[in-house]
């Protein structure tokens, strides 16, 4: 199953690069001048564009997953559904835990460690 997935992805990438290269070189193909050079340039440009898109997705998706949107929605709905002050407080502490986890993973709190302190 994994091998079939990788084969389909490779074929799709090759098809996209080829289609992009032909679209890039459409003017040169219709005029008949420097066809192969223009198609090669187009394939390089499209491959660089696809690489940039993949890198952007590879960086953005883990950052979005760190926000834990499903857990945040569940915490906020539990806070809304709270009927007593105790339940409301517990809902707010869940939200604060999510917030502090997010802040703790994005900031460097090295000033809190004991090993950095000088005696």
N, C-alpha and C. Protein backbone atom coordinates (compact mmCIF):
# COMPACT_ATOMS: atom_id res chain seq x y z
N UNK A 1 0.83 -1.19 0.00
CA UNK A 1 0.00 0.00 0.00
C UNK A 1 0.87 1.26 0.00
N UNK A 2 1.95 1.25 0.81
CA UNK A 2 2.84 2.40 0.85
C UNK A 2 3.55 2.58 -0.48
N UNK A 3 3.97 1.50 -1.08
CA UNK A 3 4.68 1.58 -2.35
C UNK A 3 3.78 2.18 -3.43
N UNK A 4 2.53 1.77 -3.43
CA UNK A 4 1.59 2.31 -4.42
C UNK A 4 1.38 3.81 -4.20
N UNK A 5 1.31 4.23 -2.95
CA UNK A 5 1.17 5.65 -2.65
C UNK A 5 2.36 6.44 -3.20
N UNK A 6 3.58 5.94 -2.96
CA UNK A 6 4.76 6.65 -3.43
C UNK A 6 4.84 6.66 -4.96
N UNK A 7 4.41 5.60 -5.59
CA UNK A 7 4.40 5.57 -7.05
C UNK A 7 3.42 6.61 -7.58
N UNK A 8 2.23 6.69 -6.99
CA UNK A 8 1.23 7.67 -7.42
C UNK A 8 1.74 9.09 -7.19
N UNK A 9 2.38 9.33 -6.06
CA UNK A 9 2.93 10.67 -5.77
C UNK A 9 4.01 11.03 -6.77
N UNK A 10 4.91 10.10 -7.07
CA UNK A 10 5.98 10.37 -8.05
C UNK A 10 5.40 10.67 -9.43
N UNK A 11 4.42 9.89 -9.85
CA UNK A 11 3.80 10.13 -11.16
C UNK A 11 3.10 11.48 -11.18
N UNK A 12 2.43 11.84 -10.08
CA UNK A 12 1.75 13.14 -10.01
C UNK A 12 2.75 14.29 -10.06
N UNK A 13 3.86 14.16 -9.36
CA UNK A 13 4.88 15.22 -9.36
C UNK A 13 5.50 15.36 -10.75
N UNK A 14 5.81 14.24 -11.39
CA UNK A 14 6.37 14.29 -12.74
C UNK A 14 5.37 14.92 -13.70
N UNK A 15 4.11 14.56 -13.57
CA UNK A 15 3.08 15.15 -14.43
C UNK A 15 2.93 16.64 -14.21
N UNK A 16 2.95 17.07 -12.93
CA UNK A 16 2.84 18.50 -12.64
C UNK A 16 4.03 19.29 -13.18
N UNK A 17 5.22 18.76 -13.00
CA UNK A 17 6.42 19.45 -13.50
C UNK A 17 6.39 19.51 -15.03
N UNK A 18 5.98 18.44 -15.67
CA UNK A 18 5.90 18.43 -17.13
C UNK A 18 4.86 19.42 -17.63
N UNK A 19 3.68 19.41 -17.03
CA UNK A 19 2.62 20.34 -17.44
C UNK A 19 3.05 21.78 -17.21
N UNK A 20 3.69 22.06 -16.08
CA UNK A 20 4.17 23.41 -15.81
C UNK A 20 5.24 23.84 -16.78
N UNK A 21 6.13 22.93 -17.13
CA UNK A 21 7.20 23.26 -18.08
C UNK A 21 6.63 23.56 -19.46
N UNK A 22 5.64 22.80 -19.88
CA UNK A 22 5.02 23.04 -21.19
C UNK A 22 4.26 24.35 -21.18
N UNK A 23 3.55 24.64 -20.09
CA UNK A 23 2.85 25.92 -20.00
C UNK A 23 3.83 27.09 -19.99
N UNK A 24 4.95 26.92 -19.31
CA UNK A 24 5.97 27.98 -19.28
C UNK A 24 6.54 28.21 -20.68
N UNK A 25 6.73 27.14 -21.42
CA UNK A 25 7.38 27.23 -22.73
C UNK A 25 6.37 27.37 -23.87
N UNK A 26 5.14 27.67 -23.56
CA UNK A 26 4.10 27.73 -24.59
C UNK A 26 4.42 28.73 -25.69
N UNK A 27 4.95 29.88 -25.33
CA UNK A 27 5.32 30.89 -26.33
C UNK A 27 6.43 30.41 -27.24
N UNK A 28 7.45 29.79 -26.65
CA UNK A 28 8.58 29.31 -27.45
C UNK A 28 8.15 28.14 -28.34
N UNK A 29 7.23 27.32 -27.88
CA UNK A 29 6.76 26.21 -28.70
C UNK A 29 5.95 26.71 -29.90
N UNK A 30 5.17 27.77 -29.70
CA UNK A 30 4.38 28.28 -30.81
C UNK A 30 5.24 29.04 -31.83
N UNK A 31 6.32 29.66 -31.36
CA UNK A 31 7.20 30.39 -32.28
C UNK A 31 8.27 29.50 -32.90
N UNK A 32 8.56 28.40 -32.25
CA UNK A 32 9.55 27.47 -32.78
C UNK A 32 10.98 27.85 -32.48
N UNK A 33 11.21 28.72 -31.50
CA UNK A 33 12.58 29.14 -31.17
C UNK A 33 12.98 28.63 -29.80
N UNK A 34 14.16 28.05 -29.71
CA UNK A 34 14.76 27.56 -28.45
C UNK A 34 13.76 26.76 -27.61
N UNK A 35 13.15 25.78 -28.20
CA UNK A 35 12.11 25.00 -27.52
C UNK A 35 12.67 24.22 -26.33
N UNK A 36 13.73 23.46 -26.58
CA UNK A 36 14.23 22.58 -25.51
C UNK A 36 14.78 23.37 -24.33
N UNK A 37 15.45 24.48 -24.61
CA UNK A 37 15.99 25.30 -23.51
C UNK A 37 14.86 25.90 -22.68
N UNK A 38 13.81 26.36 -23.33
CA UNK A 38 12.70 26.97 -22.61
C UNK A 38 11.93 25.93 -21.81
N UNK A 39 11.74 24.75 -22.35
CA UNK A 39 11.06 23.67 -21.60
C UNK A 39 11.90 23.28 -20.39
N UNK A 40 13.21 23.19 -20.56
CA UNK A 40 14.09 22.85 -19.44
C UNK A 40 14.05 23.92 -18.35
N UNK A 41 14.08 25.19 -18.77
CA UNK A 41 13.97 26.28 -17.79
C UNK A 41 12.64 26.22 -17.05
N UNK A 42 11.57 25.94 -17.80
CA UNK A 42 10.25 25.85 -17.18
C UNK A 42 10.17 24.71 -16.18
N UNK A 43 10.79 23.58 -16.48
CA UNK A 43 10.75 22.46 -15.54
C UNK A 43 11.53 22.78 -14.27
N UNK A 44 12.63 23.49 -14.43
CA UNK A 44 13.41 23.90 -13.25
C UNK A 44 12.62 24.87 -12.39
N UNK A 45 11.99 25.86 -13.03
CA UNK A 45 11.21 26.84 -12.27
C UNK A 45 10.02 26.20 -11.55
N UNK A 46 9.33 25.29 -12.22
CA UNK A 46 8.19 24.63 -11.60
C UNK A 46 8.65 23.71 -10.47
N UNK A 47 9.77 23.03 -10.64
CA UNK A 47 10.28 22.16 -9.58
C UNK A 47 10.67 22.99 -8.35
N UNK A 48 11.26 24.17 -8.57
CA UNK A 48 11.60 25.04 -7.44
C UNK A 48 10.34 25.55 -6.76
N UNK A 49 9.31 25.88 -7.55
CA UNK A 49 8.04 26.31 -6.97
C UNK A 49 7.41 25.21 -6.12
N UNK A 50 7.40 23.99 -6.64
CA UNK A 50 6.85 22.86 -5.87
C UNK A 50 7.65 22.60 -4.60
N UNK A 51 8.96 22.72 -4.67
CA UNK A 51 9.80 22.54 -3.48
C UNK A 51 9.50 23.61 -2.44
N UNK A 52 9.31 24.85 -2.88
CA UNK A 52 8.98 25.92 -1.94
C UNK A 52 7.63 25.68 -1.29
N UNK A 53 6.66 25.19 -2.05
CA UNK A 53 5.34 24.89 -1.48
C UNK A 53 5.44 23.76 -0.46
N UNK A 54 6.19 22.72 -0.78
CA UNK A 54 6.35 21.59 0.15
C UNK A 54 7.04 22.04 1.43
N UNK A 55 8.06 22.87 1.32
CA UNK A 55 8.76 23.36 2.51
C UNK A 55 7.83 24.21 3.37
N UNK A 56 7.02 25.06 2.73
CA UNK A 56 6.07 25.87 3.50
C UNK A 56 5.07 25.00 4.24
N UNK A 57 4.56 23.97 3.59
CA UNK A 57 3.61 23.07 4.25
C UNK A 57 4.30 22.29 5.37
N UNK A 58 5.54 21.88 5.14
CA UNK A 58 6.26 21.11 6.16
C UNK A 58 6.56 21.94 7.40
N UNK A 59 6.69 23.24 7.25
CA UNK A 59 6.94 24.10 8.41
C UNK A 59 5.64 24.53 9.07
N UNK A 60 4.62 24.80 8.27
CA UNK A 60 3.37 25.34 8.80
C UNK A 60 2.52 24.30 9.49
N UNK A 61 2.44 23.09 8.96
CA UNK A 61 1.53 22.09 9.53
C UNK A 61 1.89 21.68 10.96
N UNK A 62 3.16 21.44 11.31
CA UNK A 62 3.43 21.14 12.72
C UNK A 62 3.11 22.31 13.65
N UNK A 63 3.33 23.52 13.16
CA UNK A 63 3.01 24.69 13.99
C UNK A 63 1.51 24.79 14.24
N UNK A 64 0.71 24.49 13.25
CA UNK A 64 -0.74 24.50 13.44
C UNK A 64 -1.20 23.38 14.36
N UNK A 65 -0.53 22.24 14.29
CA UNK A 65 -0.89 21.14 15.18
C UNK A 65 -0.50 21.42 16.63
N UNK A 66 0.53 22.25 16.84
CA UNK A 66 0.91 22.61 18.20
C UNK A 66 -0.17 23.44 18.88
N UNK A 67 -0.98 24.14 18.10
CA UNK A 67 -2.05 24.94 18.69
C UNK A 67 -3.17 24.08 19.27
N UNK A 68 -3.25 22.83 18.89
CA UNK A 68 -4.24 21.88 19.38
C UNK A 68 -5.66 22.45 19.25
N UNK A 69 -6.12 22.68 18.03
CA UNK A 69 -7.41 23.34 17.85
C UNK A 69 -8.59 22.52 18.37
N UNK A 70 -8.53 21.20 18.25
CA UNK A 70 -9.65 20.37 18.73
C UNK A 70 -9.76 20.42 20.25
N UNK A 71 -8.63 20.36 20.93
CA UNK A 71 -8.66 20.43 22.39
C UNK A 71 -9.10 21.81 22.87
N UNK A 72 -8.66 22.85 22.18
CA UNK A 72 -9.06 24.20 22.55
C UNK A 72 -10.56 24.39 22.38
N UNK A 73 -11.11 23.86 21.30
CA UNK A 73 -12.56 23.96 21.09
C UNK A 73 -13.32 23.20 22.18
N UNK A 74 -12.80 22.03 22.57
CA UNK A 74 -13.46 21.24 23.62
C UNK A 74 -13.41 21.97 24.96
N UNK A 75 -12.27 22.61 25.26
CA UNK A 75 -12.14 23.35 26.52
C UNK A 75 -13.08 24.55 26.54
N UNK A 76 -13.15 25.27 25.43
CA UNK A 76 -14.02 26.44 25.38
C UNK A 76 -15.49 26.05 25.45
N UNK A 77 -15.86 24.94 24.84
CA UNK A 77 -17.26 24.50 24.93
C UNK A 77 -17.58 24.02 26.34
N UNK A 78 -16.62 23.40 27.02
CA UNK A 78 -16.86 22.98 28.41
C UNK A 78 -17.00 24.19 29.32
N UNK A 79 -16.26 25.25 29.03
CA UNK A 79 -16.38 26.47 29.83
C UNK A 79 -17.74 27.13 29.60
N UNK A 80 -18.22 27.10 28.37
CA UNK A 80 -19.54 27.67 28.09
C UNK A 80 -20.65 26.86 28.75
N UNK A 81 -20.48 25.54 28.78
CA UNK A 81 -21.51 24.66 29.33
C UNK A 81 -21.48 24.60 30.85
N UNK A 82 -20.52 25.25 31.46
CA UNK A 82 -20.39 25.20 32.93
C UNK A 82 -21.58 25.89 33.59
N UNK A 83 -22.09 25.25 34.64
CA UNK A 83 -23.24 25.80 35.36
C UNK A 83 -22.85 26.36 36.71
N UNK A 84 -21.82 25.82 37.31
CA UNK A 84 -21.42 26.28 38.64
C UNK A 84 -20.08 27.01 38.51
N UNK A 85 -19.75 27.84 39.48
CA UNK A 85 -18.46 28.53 39.44
C UNK A 85 -17.28 27.57 39.44
N UNK A 86 -17.43 26.45 40.12
CA UNK A 86 -16.35 25.47 40.15
C UNK A 86 -16.10 24.90 38.75
N UNK A 87 -17.18 24.55 38.05
CA UNK A 87 -17.02 24.04 36.69
C UNK A 87 -16.43 25.11 35.77
N UNK A 88 -16.82 26.34 35.94
CA UNK A 88 -16.29 27.43 35.12
C UNK A 88 -14.79 27.60 35.39
N UNK A 89 -14.40 27.51 36.67
CA UNK A 89 -12.99 27.63 37.03
C UNK A 89 -12.18 26.49 36.42
N UNK A 90 -12.73 25.28 36.48
CA UNK A 90 -12.01 24.14 35.90
C UNK A 90 -11.89 24.28 34.39
N UNK A 91 -12.91 24.83 33.74
CA UNK A 91 -12.82 25.08 32.31
C UNK A 91 -11.76 26.11 32.00
N UNK A 92 -11.67 27.15 32.83
CA UNK A 92 -10.68 28.19 32.61
C UNK A 92 -9.27 27.66 32.86
N UNK A 93 -9.10 26.78 33.83
CA UNK A 93 -7.76 26.23 34.06
C UNK A 93 -7.32 25.37 32.90
N UNK A 94 -8.27 24.67 32.25
CA UNK A 94 -7.91 23.91 31.06
C UNK A 94 -7.43 24.81 29.95
N UNK A 95 -8.12 25.94 29.77
CA UNK A 95 -7.70 26.92 28.77
C UNK A 95 -6.33 27.48 29.12
N UNK A 96 -6.10 27.77 30.39
CA UNK A 96 -4.80 28.30 30.81
C UNK A 96 -3.69 27.28 30.61
N UNK A 97 -4.00 26.00 30.84
CA UNK A 97 -2.99 24.96 30.61
C UNK A 97 -2.61 24.88 29.14
N UNK A 98 -3.61 24.98 28.25
CA UNK A 98 -3.31 24.97 26.82
C UNK A 98 -2.47 26.19 26.46
N UNK A 99 -2.83 27.34 27.00
CA UNK A 99 -2.11 28.58 26.70
C UNK A 99 -0.67 28.50 27.22
N UNK A 100 -0.50 28.05 28.46
CA UNK A 100 0.85 27.96 29.04
C UNK A 100 1.71 26.92 28.33
N UNK A 101 1.09 25.84 27.87
CA UNK A 101 1.83 24.85 27.11
C UNK A 101 2.32 25.44 25.80
N UNK A 102 1.45 26.20 25.15
CA UNK A 102 1.85 26.84 23.90
C UNK A 102 2.96 27.85 24.13
N UNK A 103 2.83 28.66 25.17
CA UNK A 103 3.86 29.66 25.46
C UNK A 103 5.16 28.98 25.88
N UNK A 104 5.05 27.92 26.66
CA UNK A 104 6.24 27.23 27.13
C UNK A 104 7.01 26.55 26.02
N UNK A 105 6.33 26.12 24.97
CA UNK A 105 7.04 25.47 23.87
C UNK A 105 7.62 26.46 22.88
N UNK A 106 7.13 27.70 22.91
CA UNK A 106 7.63 28.67 21.94
C UNK A 106 8.65 29.64 22.53
N UNK A 107 8.75 29.75 23.84
CA UNK A 107 9.69 30.67 24.45
C UNK A 107 10.76 29.91 25.24
N UNK A 108 11.88 30.53 25.40
CA UNK A 108 12.98 29.92 26.13
C UNK A 108 12.97 30.45 27.56
N UNK A 109 12.70 29.56 28.50
CA UNK A 109 12.67 29.94 29.91
C UNK A 109 13.92 29.45 30.62
N UNK A 110 15.08 29.72 30.04
CA UNK A 110 16.31 29.22 30.65
C UNK A 110 16.62 29.95 31.96
N UNK A 111 16.04 31.14 32.19
CA UNK A 111 16.31 31.85 33.43
C UNK A 111 15.66 31.15 34.62
N UNK A 112 14.79 30.19 34.36
CA UNK A 112 14.14 29.47 35.46
C UNK A 112 14.94 28.28 35.95
N UNK A 113 15.90 27.81 35.16
CA UNK A 113 16.63 26.60 35.55
C UNK A 113 17.67 26.94 36.62
N UNK A 114 17.87 26.01 37.52
CA UNK A 114 18.81 26.22 38.62
C UNK A 114 20.25 26.14 38.17
N UNK A 115 20.53 25.44 37.07
CA UNK A 115 21.90 25.26 36.65
C UNK A 115 22.52 26.56 36.11
N UNK A 116 21.69 27.50 35.69
CA UNK A 116 22.21 28.76 35.15
C UNK A 116 22.50 29.80 36.24
N UNK A 117 21.97 29.57 37.40
CA UNK A 117 22.16 30.55 38.48
C UNK A 117 23.57 30.45 39.05
N UNK A 118 24.15 31.58 39.36
CA UNK A 118 25.46 31.60 40.00
C UNK A 118 25.26 31.79 41.50
N UNK A 119 25.97 31.01 42.25
CA UNK A 119 25.82 31.09 43.71
C UNK A 119 26.70 32.12 44.31
